[in-house]
């Protein structure tokens, strides 16, 4: 089942808010949270949009969810909940909000809808997709089940609701090994990230059948690139996301999910660090830990960057585009997510 988007009313011609003394008085204090990563000359462009979004959130009883890969003006300026994809959806479900705005990509908005079926879920740009999520379909899963009838299907949460619904259980990058071993099977089908699957296979005796799905951001990193950074930056600590290729993970000092990578920097405070993931996350963490020097390889996610302050504002103004999931698909997808939560 593909993402269903309700277009809603046609958006009015955009009239961007302007930076005035009144706007400055209301929101300039927020700039302190991001001044280390956003130059002063950019703030007058962001401030009036942030001011308008904060007003609209109050009027709509809305919360904004921002993934770790969102830019700092969104992450620190308007987000109510920040983190990785599943954590965002779970925390949003606990709020009293009527409206959820997903500053992220399609599958994240779907997951928010799965866990908050009675809330209105909005995605500011319907083109914000994901190469990894789009690499697998329910039909692919059906064919894999025919080929490996004894193997349960473990699906990464970075997938569509329809793919989750066709699976036995979901997993995250941080609990994947636990989930795989919880099934008591000799082999499992692990979808769709090939590199995460190979990373899991190194840590368990369970046979892992992988799929050639990749994140277009993480797959661009190479082990040689990491070696070059080490050569040019003495004492560099390298921390990598498990969606990276195996040679990158071999070259890293630490491998973990986005939240685990952030925790590593917060807790250990390395003098100099390279976060091998989408580069906006380095900006967001750097704004928090000013005593750490960040070496930044800048691989951007083009889909995450479709989400901007003006689009968030327009989404709240028009309450569109709205994300819905077929009730039957949603029930099966929630079952796979609930099994994961119970097992982990």
C-alpha atoms as a PDB file:
ATOM      1  CA  UNK A   1       0.000   0.000   0.000  1.00  0.00           C
ATOM      2  CA  UNK A   2       1.597   3.264  -1.057  1.00  0.00           C
ATOM      3  CA  UNK A   3       1.540   6.358   1.091  1.00  0.00           C
ATOM      4  CA  UNK A   4      -1.907   7.948   0.842  1.00  0.00           C
ATOM      5  CA  UNK A   5      -1.885  11.733   0.865  1.00  0.00           C
ATOM      6  CA  UNK A   6      -4.992  13.872   1.095  1.00  0.00           C
ATOM      7  CA  UNK A   7      -4.366  17.117  -0.793  1.00  0.00           C
ATOM      8  CA  UNK A   8      -6.798  19.194   1.242  1.00  0.00           C
ATOM      9  CA  UNK A   9      -7.666  22.697   0.140  1.00  0.00           C
ATOM     10  CA  UNK A  10      -5.464  24.454  -2.381  1.00  0.00           C
ATOM     11  CA  UNK A  11      -2.777  26.411  -0.581  1.00  0.00           C
ATOM     12  CA  UNK A  12      -3.118  30.191  -0.903  1.00  0.00           C
ATOM     13  CA  UNK A  13      -0.427  32.206  -2.596  1.00  0.00           C
ATOM     14  CA  UNK A  14       2.462  32.313  -0.167  1.00  0.00           C
ATOM     15  CA  UNK A  15       2.981  35.572   1.677  1.00  0.00           C
ATOM     16  CA  UNK A  16       6.181  35.136   3.633  1.00  0.00           C
ATOM     17  CA  UNK A  17       6.256  36.835   7.046  1.00  0.00           C
ATOM     18  CA  UNK A  18       8.813  39.574   7.605  1.00  0.00           C
ATOM     19  CA  UNK A  19      11.363  40.247  10.315  1.00  0.00           C
ATOM     20  CA  UNK A  20      10.076  43.052  12.519  1.00  0.00           C
ATOM     21  CA  UNK A  21      10.916  44.367  15.971  1.00  0.00           C
ATOM     22  CA  UNK A  22       7.907  42.475  17.341  1.00  0.00           C
ATOM     23  CA  UNK A  23       9.097  39.219  15.769  1.00  0.00           C
ATOM     24  CA  UNK A  24      12.592  39.792  17.126  1.00  0.00           C
ATOM     25  CA  UNK A  25      11.235  40.318  20.624  1.00  0.00           C
ATOM     26  CA  UNK A  26       9.282  37.056  20.491  1.00  0.00           C
ATOM     27  CA  UNK A  27      11.860  34.683  18.989  1.00  0.00           C
ATOM     28  CA  UNK A  28      15.376  36.129  19.024  1.00  0.00           C
ATOM     29  CA  UNK A  29      16.124  34.295  22.268  1.00  0.00           C
ATOM     30  CA  UNK A  30      15.898  31.034  20.322  1.00  0.00           C
ATOM     31  CA  UNK A  31      18.915  32.001  18.238  1.00  0.00           C
ATOM     32  CA  UNK A  32      21.209  31.320  21.211  1.00  0.00           C
ATOM     33  CA  UNK A  33      20.508  27.605  20.747  1.00  0.00           C
ATOM     34  CA  UNK A  34      21.837  27.561  17.185  1.00  0.00           C
ATOM     35  CA  UNK A  35      24.215  30.531  16.854  1.00  0.00           C
ATOM     36  CA  UNK A  36      27.262  28.281  16.667  1.00  0.00           C
ATOM     37  CA  UNK A  37      25.991  26.669  13.435  1.00  0.00           C
ATOM     38  CA  UNK A  38      23.815  29.384  11.830  1.00  0.00           C
ATOM     39  CA  UNK A  39      25.529  32.662  10.855  1.00  0.00           C
ATOM     40  CA  UNK A  40      23.901  35.891  12.137  1.00  0.00           C
ATOM     41  CA  UNK A  41      23.041  37.159   8.658  1.00  0.00           C
ATOM     42  CA  UNK A  42      20.763  34.131   8.079  1.00  0.00           C
ATOM     43  CA  UNK A  43      18.692  34.589  11.225  1.00  0.00           C
ATOM     44  CA  UNK A  44      16.428  37.418   9.907  1.00  0.00           C
ATOM     45  CA  UNK A  45      15.244  35.019   7.177  1.00  0.00           C
ATOM     46  CA  UNK A  46      14.446  32.236   9.635  1.00  0.00           C
ATOM     47  CA  UNK A  47      13.025  34.223  12.574  1.00  0.00           C
ATOM     48  CA  UNK A  48       9.690  35.344  11.032  1.00  0.00           C
ATOM     49  CA  UNK A  49       8.959  31.820   9.769  1.00  0.00           C
ATOM     50  CA  UNK A  50       9.710  30.397  13.214  1.00  0.00           C
ATOM     51  CA  UNK A  51       7.483  33.032  14.815  1.00  0.00           C
ATOM     52  CA  UNK A  52       4.600  32.182  12.473  1.00  0.00           C
ATOM     53  CA  UNK A  53       5.002  28.417  13.043  1.00  0.00           C
ATOM     54  CA  UNK A  54       5.002  28.805  16.829  1.00  0.00           C
ATOM     55  CA  UNK A  55       1.749  30.794  16.584  1.00  0.00           C
ATOM     56  CA  UNK A  56       0.161  28.223  14.271  1.00  0.00           C
ATOM     57  CA  UNK A  57       1.156  25.364  16.551  1.00  0.00           C
ATOM     58  CA  UNK A  58      -0.767  26.986  19.384  1.00  0.00           C
ATOM     59  CA  UNK A  59      -3.793  27.650  17.187  1.00  0.00           C
ATOM     60  CA  UNK A  60      -3.854  24.117  15.746  1.00  0.00           C
ATOM     61  CA  UNK A  61      -2.822  22.296  18.936  1.00  0.00           C
ATOM     62  CA  UNK A  62       0.009  20.829  16.877  1.00  0.00           C
ATOM     63  CA  UNK A  63       3.410  19.330  17.517  1.00  0.00           C
ATOM     64  CA  UNK A  64       6.341  19.272  15.113  1.00  0.00           C
ATOM     65  CA  UNK A  65       8.487  16.135  14.985  1.00  0.00           C
ATOM     66  CA  UNK A  66      12.021  16.691  13.674  1.00  0.00           C
ATOM     67  CA  UNK A  67      14.318  13.847  12.729  1.00  0.00           C
ATOM     68  CA  UNK A  68      18.011  14.180  13.615  1.00  0.00           C
ATOM     69  CA  UNK A  69      18.753  14.904   9.951  1.00  0.00           C
ATOM     70  CA  UNK A  70      16.697  18.097   9.861  1.00  0.00           C
ATOM     71  CA  UNK A  71      18.503  21.439   9.652  1.00  0.00           C
ATOM     72  CA  UNK A  72      19.181  23.389  12.875  1.00  0.00           C
ATOM     73  CA  UNK A  73      16.592  26.123  12.281  1.00  0.00           C
ATOM     74  CA  UNK A  74      13.926  23.380  12.253  1.00  0.00           C
ATOM     75  CA  UNK A  75      15.532  21.132  14.863  1.00  0.00           C
ATOM     76  CA  UNK A  76      16.071  23.923  17.420  1.00  0.00           C
ATOM     77  CA  UNK A  77      13.624  26.547  16.180  1.00  0.00           C
ATOM     78  CA  UNK A  78      10.229  24.834  15.870  1.00  0.00           C
ATOM     79  CA  UNK A  79      10.483  21.144  16.826  1.00  0.00           C
ATOM     80  CA  UNK A  80       8.683  19.890  19.914  1.00  0.00           C
ATOM     81  CA  UNK A  81      10.102  16.363  19.697  1.00  0.00           C
ATOM     82  CA  UNK A  82      13.453  15.429  18.143  1.00  0.00           C
ATOM     83  CA  UNK A  83      15.171  12.094  17.617  1.00  0.00           C
ATOM     84  CA  UNK A  84      15.146   9.065  15.351  1.00  0.00           C
ATOM     85  CA  UNK A  85      12.104   7.857  13.438  1.00  0.00           C
ATOM     86  CA  UNK A  86      10.416   5.397  15.794  1.00  0.00           C
ATOM     87  CA  UNK A  87      11.111   7.444  18.937  1.00  0.00           C
ATOM     88  CA  UNK A  88       9.459  10.459  17.312  1.00  0.00           C
ATOM     89  CA  UNK A  89       6.276   8.527  16.575  1.00  0.00           C
ATOM     90  CA  UNK A  90       6.107   6.953  20.028  1.00  0.00           C
ATOM     91  CA  UNK A  91       6.587  10.266  21.831  1.00  0.00           C
ATOM     92  CA  UNK A  92       4.055  12.027  19.595  1.00  0.00           C
ATOM     93  CA  UNK A  93       1.471   9.375  20.470  1.00  0.00           C
ATOM     94  CA  UNK A  94       1.840  10.316  24.138  1.00  0.00           C
ATOM     95  CA  UNK A  95       0.960  13.979  23.546  1.00  0.00           C
ATOM     96  CA  UNK A  96      -2.472  15.620  23.658  1.00  0.00           C
ATOM     97  CA  UNK A  97      -1.875  17.237  20.262  1.00  0.00           C
ATOM     98  CA  UNK A  98      -4.550  17.111  17.584  1.00  0.00           C
ATOM     99  CA  UNK A  99      -2.071  17.600  14.735  1.00  0.00           C
ATOM    100  CA  UNK A 100       1.366  16.100  14.065  1.00  0.00           C
ATOM    101  CA  UNK A 101       3.681  17.701  11.523  1.00  0.00           C
ATOM    102  CA  UNK A 102       6.434  15.311  10.433  1.00  0.00           C
ATOM    103  CA  UNK A 103       9.649  17.115   9.601  1.00  0.00           C
ATOM    104  CA  UNK A 104      11.145  14.018   8.045  1.00  0.00           C
ATOM    105  CA  UNK A 105      10.217  11.646   5.228  1.00  0.00           C
ATOM    106  CA  UNK A 106       7.175   9.623   4.098  1.00  0.00           C
ATOM    107  CA  UNK A 107       7.701   6.445   6.070  1.00  0.00           C
ATOM    108  CA  UNK A 108       8.162   8.462   9.272  1.00  0.00           C
ATOM    109  CA  UNK A 109       4.846  10.223   8.727  1.00  0.00           C
ATOM    110  CA  UNK A 110       3.193   6.838   8.147  1.00  0.00           C
ATOM    111  CA  UNK A 111       4.695   5.480  11.360  1.00  0.00           C
ATOM    112  CA  UNK A 112       3.385   8.503  13.249  1.00  0.00           C
ATOM    113  CA  UNK A 113      -0.078   7.792  11.821  1.00  0.00           C
ATOM    114  CA  UNK A 114       0.179   4.113  12.789  1.00  0.00           C
ATOM    115  CA  UNK A 115       0.802   5.029  16.417  1.00  0.00           C
ATOM    116  CA  UNK A 116      -1.585   8.030  16.466  1.00  0.00           C
ATOM    117  CA  UNK A 117      -4.525   6.920  14.295  1.00  0.00           C
ATOM    118  CA  UNK A 118      -6.868   9.569  15.732  1.00  0.00           C
ATOM    119  CA  UNK A 119      -4.498  12.488  15.112  1.00  0.00           C
ATOM    120  CA  UNK A 120      -4.105  14.454  11.888  1.00  0.00           C
ATOM    121  CA  UNK A 121      -0.633  13.752  10.481  1.00  0.00           C
ATOM    122  CA  UNK A 122       0.894  16.159   7.961  1.00  0.00           C
ATOM    123  CA  UNK A 123       3.971  15.908   5.739  1.00  0.00           C
ATOM    124  CA  UNK A 124       5.080  19.355   4.494  1.00  0.00           C
ATOM    125  CA  UNK A 125       6.373  18.000   1.171  1.00  0.00           C
ATOM    126  CA  UNK A 126       4.935  14.821  -0.349  1.00  0.00           C
ATOM    127  CA  UNK A 127       8.121  14.334  -2.389  1.00  0.00           C
ATOM    128  CA  UNK A 128      10.172  13.681   0.759  1.00  0.00           C
ATOM    129  CA  UNK A 129      10.769   9.989   0.137  1.00  0.00           C
ATOM    130  CA  UNK A 130      13.519   7.526   1.054  1.00  0.00           C
ATOM    131  CA  UNK A 131      15.678   5.401  -1.247  1.00  0.00           C
ATOM    132  CA  UNK A 132      15.849   2.650   1.362  1.00  0.00           C
ATOM    133  CA  UNK A 133      12.107   2.489   2.005  1.00  0.00           C
ATOM    134  CA  UNK A 134      11.405   2.537  -1.723  1.00  0.00           C
ATOM    135  CA  UNK A 135      13.764  -0.391  -2.406  1.00  0.00           C
ATOM    136  CA  UNK A 136      11.288  -3.015  -1.145  1.00  0.00           C
ATOM    137  CA  UNK A 137       7.593  -3.804  -1.738  1.00  0.00           C
ATOM    138  CA  UNK A 138       5.084  -6.247  -0.235  1.00  0.00           C
ATOM    139  CA  UNK A 139       5.261  -8.178  -3.508  1.00  0.00           C
ATOM    140  CA  UNK A 140       9.015  -8.619  -3.020  1.00  0.00           C
ATOM    141  CA  UNK A 141       8.356 -10.023   0.434  1.00  0.00           C
ATOM    142  CA  UNK A 142       5.810 -12.488  -0.925  1.00  0.00           C
ATOM    143  CA  UNK A 143       8.377 -13.830  -3.400  1.00  0.00           C
ATOM    144  CA  UNK A 144      11.025 -14.115  -0.675  1.00  0.00           C
ATOM    145  CA  UNK A 145       8.606 -16.101   1.498  1.00  0.00           C
ATOM    146  CA  UNK A 146       8.068 -18.525  -1.381  1.00  0.00           C
ATOM    147  CA  UNK A 147      11.807 -19.015  -1.728  1.00  0.00           C
ATOM    148  CA  UNK A 148      12.530 -19.266   2.018  1.00  0.00           C
ATOM    149  CA  UNK A 149       9.287 -20.585   3.569  1.00  0.00           C
ATOM    150  CA  UNK A 150      10.919 -21.397   6.899  1.00  0.00           C
ATOM    151  CA  UNK A 151      12.437 -17.942   7.429  1.00  0.00           C
ATOM    152  CA  UNK A 152      10.552 -15.217   9.331  1.00  0.00           C
ATOM    153  CA  UNK A 153      10.726 -11.706   7.916  1.00  0.00           C
ATOM    154  CA  UNK A 154      12.400  -8.994  10.004  1.00  0.00           C
ATOM    155  CA  UNK A 155      11.875  -5.529   8.595  1.00  0.00           C
ATOM    156  CA  UNK A 156      13.727  -2.360   9.482  1.00  0.00           C
ATOM    157  CA  UNK A 157      11.397   0.430  10.639  1.00  0.00           C
ATOM    158  CA  UNK A 158      12.716   2.595   7.784  1.00  0.00           C
ATOM    159  CA  UNK A 159      10.047   1.152   5.485  1.00  0.00           C
ATOM    160  CA  UNK A 160       6.503   1.871   4.351  1.00  0.00           C
ATOM    161  CA  UNK A 161       3.486   0.811   6.371  1.00  0.00           C
ATOM    162  CA  UNK A 162       2.616  -1.702   3.646  1.00  0.00           C
ATOM    163  CA  UNK A 163       6.003  -3.389   3.951  1.00  0.00           C
ATOM    164  CA  UNK A 164       5.737  -3.460   7.743  1.00  0.00           C
ATOM    165  CA  UNK A 165       2.314  -5.061   7.343  1.00  0.00           C
ATOM    166  CA  UNK A 166       3.768  -7.825   5.165  1.00  0.00           C
ATOM    167  CA  UNK A 167       6.445  -8.618   7.765  1.00  0.00           C
ATOM    168  CA  UNK A 168       6.529 -10.743  10.896  1.00  0.00           C
ATOM    169  CA  UNK A 169       8.308  -8.212  13.085  1.00  0.00           C
ATOM    170  CA  UNK A 170      10.094  -4.881  12.832  1.00  0.00           C
ATOM    171  CA  UNK A 171      13.446  -3.765  14.194  1.00  0.00           C
ATOM    172  CA  UNK A 172      15.534  -0.635  14.605  1.00  0.00           C
ATOM    173  CA  UNK A 173      19.244  -0.277  13.955  1.00  0.00           C
ATOM    174  CA  UNK A 174      19.889  -0.426  17.701  1.00  0.00           C
ATOM    175  CA  UNK A 175      17.801  -3.521  18.542  1.00  0.00           C
ATOM    176  CA  UNK A 176      18.211  -5.529  15.310  1.00  0.00           C
ATOM    177  CA  UNK A 177      20.382  -8.282  16.823  1.00  0.00           C
ATOM    178  CA  UNK A 178      18.030  -8.704  19.779  1.00  0.00           C
ATOM    179  CA  UNK A 179      15.015  -8.962  17.480  1.00  0.00           C
ATOM    180  CA  UNK A 180      16.667 -11.461  15.140  1.00  0.00           C
ATOM    181  CA  UNK A 181      17.693 -13.727  18.011  1.00  0.00           C
ATOM    182  CA  UNK A 182      14.312 -13.421  19.746  1.00  0.00           C
ATOM    183  CA  UNK A 183      12.657 -15.391  16.934  1.00  0.00           C
ATOM    184  CA  UNK A 184      14.508 -18.641  17.673  1.00  0.00           C
ATOM    185  CA  UNK A 185      14.928 -19.316  13.954  1.00  0.00           C
ATOM    186  CA  UNK A 186      17.986 -20.740  12.224  1.00  0.00           C
ATOM    187  CA  UNK A 187      17.707 -18.113   9.506  1.00  0.00           C
ATOM    188  CA  UNK A 188      15.732 -14.943   8.913  1.00  0.00           C
ATOM    189  CA  UNK A 189      14.984 -12.673   5.996  1.00  0.00           C
ATOM    190  CA  UNK A 190      16.295  -9.229   6.940  1.00  0.00           C
ATOM    191  CA  UNK A 191      14.902  -6.276   4.962  1.00  0.00           C
ATOM    192  CA  UNK A 192      15.667  -3.992   3.279  1.00  0.00           C
ATOM    193  CA  UNK A 193      19.093  -2.585   4.262  1.00  0.00           C
ATOM    194  CA  UNK A 194      21.857  -4.881   3.027  1.00  0.00           C
ATOM    195  CA  UNK A 195      24.604  -3.228   5.045  1.00  0.00           C
ATOM    196  CA  UNK A 196      22.650  -3.229   8.304  1.00  0.00           C
ATOM    197  CA  UNK A 197      21.848  -6.886   7.631  1.00  0.00           C
ATOM    198  CA  UNK A 198      25.531  -7.703   7.166  1.00  0.00           C
ATOM    199  CA  UNK A 199      26.348  -5.817  10.359  1.00  0.00           C
ATOM    200  CA  UNK A 200      23.785  -7.921  12.223  1.00  0.00           C
ATOM    201  CA  UNK A 201      25.141 -11.123  10.677  1.00  0.00           C
ATOM    202  CA  UNK A 202      28.549 -10.425  12.205  1.00  0.00           C
ATOM    203  CA  UNK A 203      27.016 -10.412  15.676  1.00  0.00           C
ATOM    204  CA  UNK A 204      24.830 -13.521  15.599  1.00  0.00           C
ATOM    205  CA  UNK A 205      24.903 -17.171  14.594  1.00  0.00           C
ATOM    206  CA  UNK A 206      21.526 -16.806  12.877  1.00  0.00           C
ATOM    207  CA  UNK A 207      21.804 -16.960   9.082  1.00  0.00           C
ATOM    208  CA  UNK A 208      20.815 -13.586   7.647  1.00  0.00           C
ATOM    209  CA  UNK A 209      19.242 -13.413   4.178  1.00  0.00           C
ATOM    210  CA  UNK A 210      19.700  -9.824   3.008  1.00  0.00           C
ATOM    211  CA  UNK A 211      18.155  -7.582   0.366  1.00  0.00           C
ATOM    212  CA  UNK A 212      20.084  -5.071  -1.753  1.00  0.00           C
ATOM    213  CA  UNK A 213      18.446  -1.982  -0.339  1.00  0.00           C
ATOM    214  CA  UNK A 214      20.678   0.977   0.516  1.00  0.00           C
ATOM    215  CA  UNK A 215      20.417   4.470   1.937  1.00  0.00           C
ATOM    216  CA  UNK A 216      21.634   6.858  -0.752  1.00  0.00           C
ATOM    217  CA  UNK A 217      23.396   8.975   1.878  1.00  0.00           C
ATOM    218  CA  UNK A 218      25.247   6.274   3.807  1.00  0.00           C
ATOM    219  CA  UNK A 219      26.201   4.130   0.812  1.00  0.00           C
ATOM    220  CA  UNK A 220      28.353   6.971  -0.584  1.00  0.00           C
ATOM    221  CA  UNK A 221      30.887   6.765   2.248  1.00  0.00           C
ATOM    222  CA  UNK A 222      33.996   4.603   1.726  1.00  0.00           C
ATOM    223  CA  UNK A 223      36.668   3.103   3.927  1.00  0.00           C
ATOM    224  CA  UNK A 224      39.330   4.978   1.960  1.00  0.00           C
ATOM    225  CA  UNK A 225      37.549   8.244   2.665  1.00  0.00           C
ATOM    226  CA  UNK A 226      37.690   7.483   6.402  1.00  0.00           C
ATOM    227  CA  UNK A 227      41.406   6.681   6.126  1.00  0.00           C
ATOM    228  CA  UNK A 228      41.991  10.027   4.407  1.00  0.00           C
ATOM    229  CA  UNK A 229      40.207  11.893   7.188  1.00  0.00           C
ATOM    230  CA  UNK A 230      42.300  10.118   9.823  1.00  0.00           C
ATOM    231  CA  UNK A 231      45.484  11.025   7.968  1.00  0.00           C
ATOM    232  CA  UNK A 232      44.545  14.705   7.899  1.00  0.00           C
ATOM    233  CA  UNK A 233      43.032  15.019  11.390  1.00  0.00           C
ATOM    234  CA  UNK A 234      45.164  13.693  14.240  1.00  0.00           C
ATOM    235  CA  UNK A 235      43.304  12.027  17.104  1.00  0.00           C
ATOM    236  CA  UNK A 236      40.071  11.757  15.145  1.00  0.00           C
ATOM    237  CA  UNK A 237      37.298   9.582  16.602  1.00  0.00           C
ATOM    238  CA  UNK A 238      35.116   8.065  13.862  1.00  0.00           C
ATOM    239  CA  UNK A 239      31.548   7.021  14.671  1.00  0.00           C
ATOM    240  CA  UNK A 240      29.391   5.512  11.939  1.00  0.00           C
ATOM    241  CA  UNK A 241      25.793   4.496  11.298  1.00  0.00           C
ATOM    242  CA  UNK A 242      25.303   0.782  10.470  1.00  0.00           C
ATOM    243  CA  UNK A 243      23.633   1.692   7.161  1.00  0.00           C
ATOM    244  CA  UNK A 244      27.183   2.414   5.904  1.00  0.00           C
ATOM    245  CA  UNK A 245      29.124  -0.156   3.832  1.00  0.00           C
ATOM    246  CA  UNK A 246      31.161  -2.788   5.712  1.00  0.00           C
ATOM    247  CA  UNK A 247      34.551  -1.188   4.948  1.00  0.00           C
ATOM    248  CA  UNK A 248      33.346   2.022   6.587  1.00  0.00           C
ATOM    249  CA  UNK A 249      32.160   0.182   9.687  1.00  0.00           C
ATOM    250  CA  UNK A 250      35.493  -1.642   9.862  1.00  0.00           C
ATOM    251  CA  UNK A 251      37.260   1.725   9.838  1.00  0.00           C
ATOM    252  CA  UNK A 252      35.098   3.242  12.590  1.00  0.00           C
ATOM    253  CA  UNK A 253      35.790   3.454  16.316  1.00  0.00           C
ATOM    254  CA  UNK A 254      32.093   3.105  17.129  1.00  0.00           C
ATOM    255  CA  UNK A 255      29.023   1.930  15.202  1.00  0.00           C
ATOM    256  CA  UNK A 256      25.509   2.802  16.313  1.00  0.00           C
ATOM    257  CA  UNK A 257      22.095   4.267  15.575  1.00  0.00           C
ATOM    258  CA  UNK A 258      21.614   8.015  15.351  1.00  0.00           C
ATOM    259  CA  UNK A 259      20.628   8.199  19.029  1.00  0.00           C
ATOM    260  CA  UNK A 260      23.594   6.019  20.032  1.00  0.00           C
ATOM    261  CA  UNK A 261      25.966   8.191  18.011  1.00  0.00           C
ATOM    262  CA  UNK A 262      24.647  11.305  19.725  1.00  0.00           C
ATOM    263  CA  UNK A 263      24.985   9.605  23.106  1.00  0.00           C
ATOM    264  CA  UNK A 264      28.593   8.679  22.312  1.00  0.00           C
ATOM    265  CA  UNK A 265      29.501  12.320  21.686  1.00  0.00           C
ATOM    266  CA  UNK A 266      27.565  13.633  24.685  1.00  0.00           C
ATOM    267  CA  UNK A 267      29.044  11.117  27.101  1.00  0.00           C
ATOM    268  CA  UNK A 268      32.623  10.757  25.873  1.00  0.00           C
ATOM    269  CA  UNK A 269      33.239  14.294  24.621  1.00  0.00           C
ATOM    270  CA  UNK A 270      36.012  13.351  22.130  1.00  0.00           C
ATOM    271  CA  UNK A 271      38.317  16.230  21.235  1.00  0.00           C
ATOM    272  CA  UNK A 272      37.683  15.682  17.537  1.00  0.00           C
ATOM    273  CA  UNK A 273      34.973  13.538  15.948  1.00  0.00           C
ATOM    274  CA  UNK A 274      33.663  12.541  12.540  1.00  0.00           C
ATOM    275  CA  UNK A 275      30.008  11.436  12.432  1.00  0.00           C
ATOM    276  CA  UNK A 276      29.599   9.221   9.377  1.00  0.00           C
ATOM    277  CA  UNK A 277      25.964   9.941   8.605  1.00  0.00           C
ATOM    278  CA  UNK A 278      23.775  12.719   7.179  1.00  0.00           C
ATOM    279  CA  UNK A 279      25.655  15.939   7.844  1.00  0.00           C
ATOM    280  CA  UNK A 280      22.885  18.025   9.431  1.00  0.00           C
ATOM    281  CA  UNK A 281      23.092  15.737  12.448  1.00  0.00           C
ATOM    282  CA  UNK A 282      26.641  16.965  13.054  1.00  0.00           C
ATOM    283  CA  UNK A 283      25.357  20.547  13.027  1.00  0.00           C
ATOM    284  CA  UNK A 284      22.629  19.733  15.546  1.00  0.00           C
ATOM    285  CA  UNK A 285      24.985  17.928  17.916  1.00  0.00           C
ATOM    286  CA  UNK A 286      27.694  20.575  17.504  1.00  0.00           C
ATOM    287  CA  UNK A 287      25.222  23.232  18.625  1.00  0.00           C
ATOM    288  CA  UNK A 288      24.843  21.310  21.890  1.00  0.00           C
ATOM    289  CA  UNK A 289      28.466  20.286  22.605  1.00  0.00           C
ATOM    290  CA  UNK A 290      30.595  23.308  21.766  1.00  0.00           C
ATOM    291  CA  UNK A 291      33.728  21.765  23.316  1.00  0.00           C
ATOM    292  CA  UNK A 292      33.935  19.060  20.612  1.00  0.00           C
ATOM    293  CA  UNK A 293      35.491  19.735  17.206  1.00  0.00           C
ATOM    294  CA  UNK A 294      33.465  18.220  14.361  1.00  0.00           C
ATOM    295  CA  UNK A 295      35.037  17.134  11.083  1.00  0.00           C
ATOM    296  CA  UNK A 296      32.165  17.245   8.616  1.00  0.00           C
ATOM    297  CA  UNK A 297      31.933  15.065   5.514  1.00  0.00           C
ATOM    298  CA  UNK A 298      28.801  16.610   4.024  1.00  0.00           C
ATOM    299  CA  UNK A 299      26.538  13.972   2.500  1.00  0.00           C
ATOM    300  CA  UNK A 300      23.060  15.504   2.456  1.00  0.00           C
ATOM    301  CA  UNK A 301      19.767  13.636   2.197  1.00  0.00           C
ATOM    302  CA  UNK A 302      17.908  15.377  -0.651  1.00  0.00           C
ATOM    303  CA  UNK A 303      14.575  14.147   0.710  1.00  0.00           C
ATOM    304  CA  UNK A 304      15.088  15.452   4.247  1.00  0.00           C
ATOM    305  CA  UNK A 305      16.110  18.796   2.782  1.00  0.00           C
ATOM    306  CA  UNK A 306      12.755  19.145   1.021  1.00  0.00           C
ATOM    307  CA  UNK A 307      11.332  20.035   4.439  1.00  0.00           C
ATOM    308  CA  UNK A 308      11.775  23.754   5.107  1.00  0.00           C
ATOM    309  CA  UNK A 309      10.352  26.322   7.495  1.00  0.00           C
ATOM    310  CA  UNK A 310       8.058  27.877   4.843  1.00  0.00           C
ATOM    311  CA  UNK A 311       6.665  24.440   3.967  1.00  0.00           C
ATOM    312  CA  UNK A 312       6.023  23.636   7.636  1.00  0.00           C
ATOM    313  CA  UNK A 313       4.213  26.956   7.987  1.00  0.00           C
ATOM    314  CA  UNK A 314       2.101  26.353   4.889  1.00  0.00           C
ATOM    315  CA  UNK A 315       1.289  22.822   6.054  1.00  0.00           C
ATOM    316  CA  UNK A 316      -0.041  24.188   9.348  1.00  0.00           C
ATOM    317  CA  UNK A 317      -1.943  26.961   7.603  1.00  0.00           C
ATOM    318  CA  UNK A 318      -3.743  24.575   5.242  1.00  0.00           C
ATOM    319  CA  UNK A 319      -3.669  21.379   7.332  1.00  0.00           C
ATOM    320  CA  UNK A 320      -2.305  19.582   4.309  1.00  0.00           C
ATOM    321  CA  UNK A 321      -0.963  17.387   2.848  1.00  0.00           C
ATOM    322  CA  UNK A 322      -2.496  14.879   5.236  1.00  0.00           C
ATOM    323  CA  UNK A 323      -1.094  11.356   5.549  1.00  0.00           C
ATOM    324  CA  UNK A 324      -3.465   8.406   5.935  1.00  0.00           C
ATOM    325  CA  UNK A 325      -2.941   4.647   6.016  1.00  0.00           C
ATOM    326  CA  UNK A 326      -5.515   2.036   5.000  1.00  0.00           C
ATOM    327  CA  UNK A 327      -7.001   0.623   8.262  1.00  0.00           C
ATOM    328  CA  UNK A 328      -6.264  -2.990   7.319  1.00  0.00           C
ATOM    329  CA  UNK A 329      -2.676  -2.203   6.441  1.00  0.00           C
ATOM    330  CA  UNK A 330      -2.331  -0.131   9.598  1.00  0.00           C
ATOM    331  CA  UNK A 331      -3.536  -2.979  11.825  1.00  0.00           C
ATOM    332  CA  UNK A 332      -1.010  -5.446  10.371  1.00  0.00           C
ATOM    333  CA  UNK A 333       1.803  -2.891  10.473  1.00  0.00           C
ATOM    334  CA  UNK A 334       1.082  -2.056  14.125  1.00  0.00           C
ATOM    335  CA  UNK A 335       1.186  -5.788  14.898  1.00  0.00           C
ATOM    336  CA  UNK A 336       4.749  -5.993  13.521  1.00  0.00           C
ATOM    337  CA  UNK A 337       5.803  -2.904  15.497  1.00  0.00           C
ATOM    338  CA  UNK A 338       4.130  -4.161  18.695  1.00  0.00           C
ATOM    339  CA  UNK A 339       5.929  -7.505  18.388  1.00  0.00           C
ATOM    340  CA  UNK A 340       9.217  -5.635  18.180  1.00  0.00           C
ATOM    341  CA  UNK A 341       8.426  -3.551  21.269  1.00  0.00           C
ATOM    342  CA  UNK A 342       7.459  -6.678  23.207  1.00  0.00           C
ATOM    343  CA  UNK A 343      10.629  -8.524  22.170  1.00  0.00           C
ATOM    344  CA  UNK A 344      12.982  -5.633  22.876  1.00  0.00           C
END
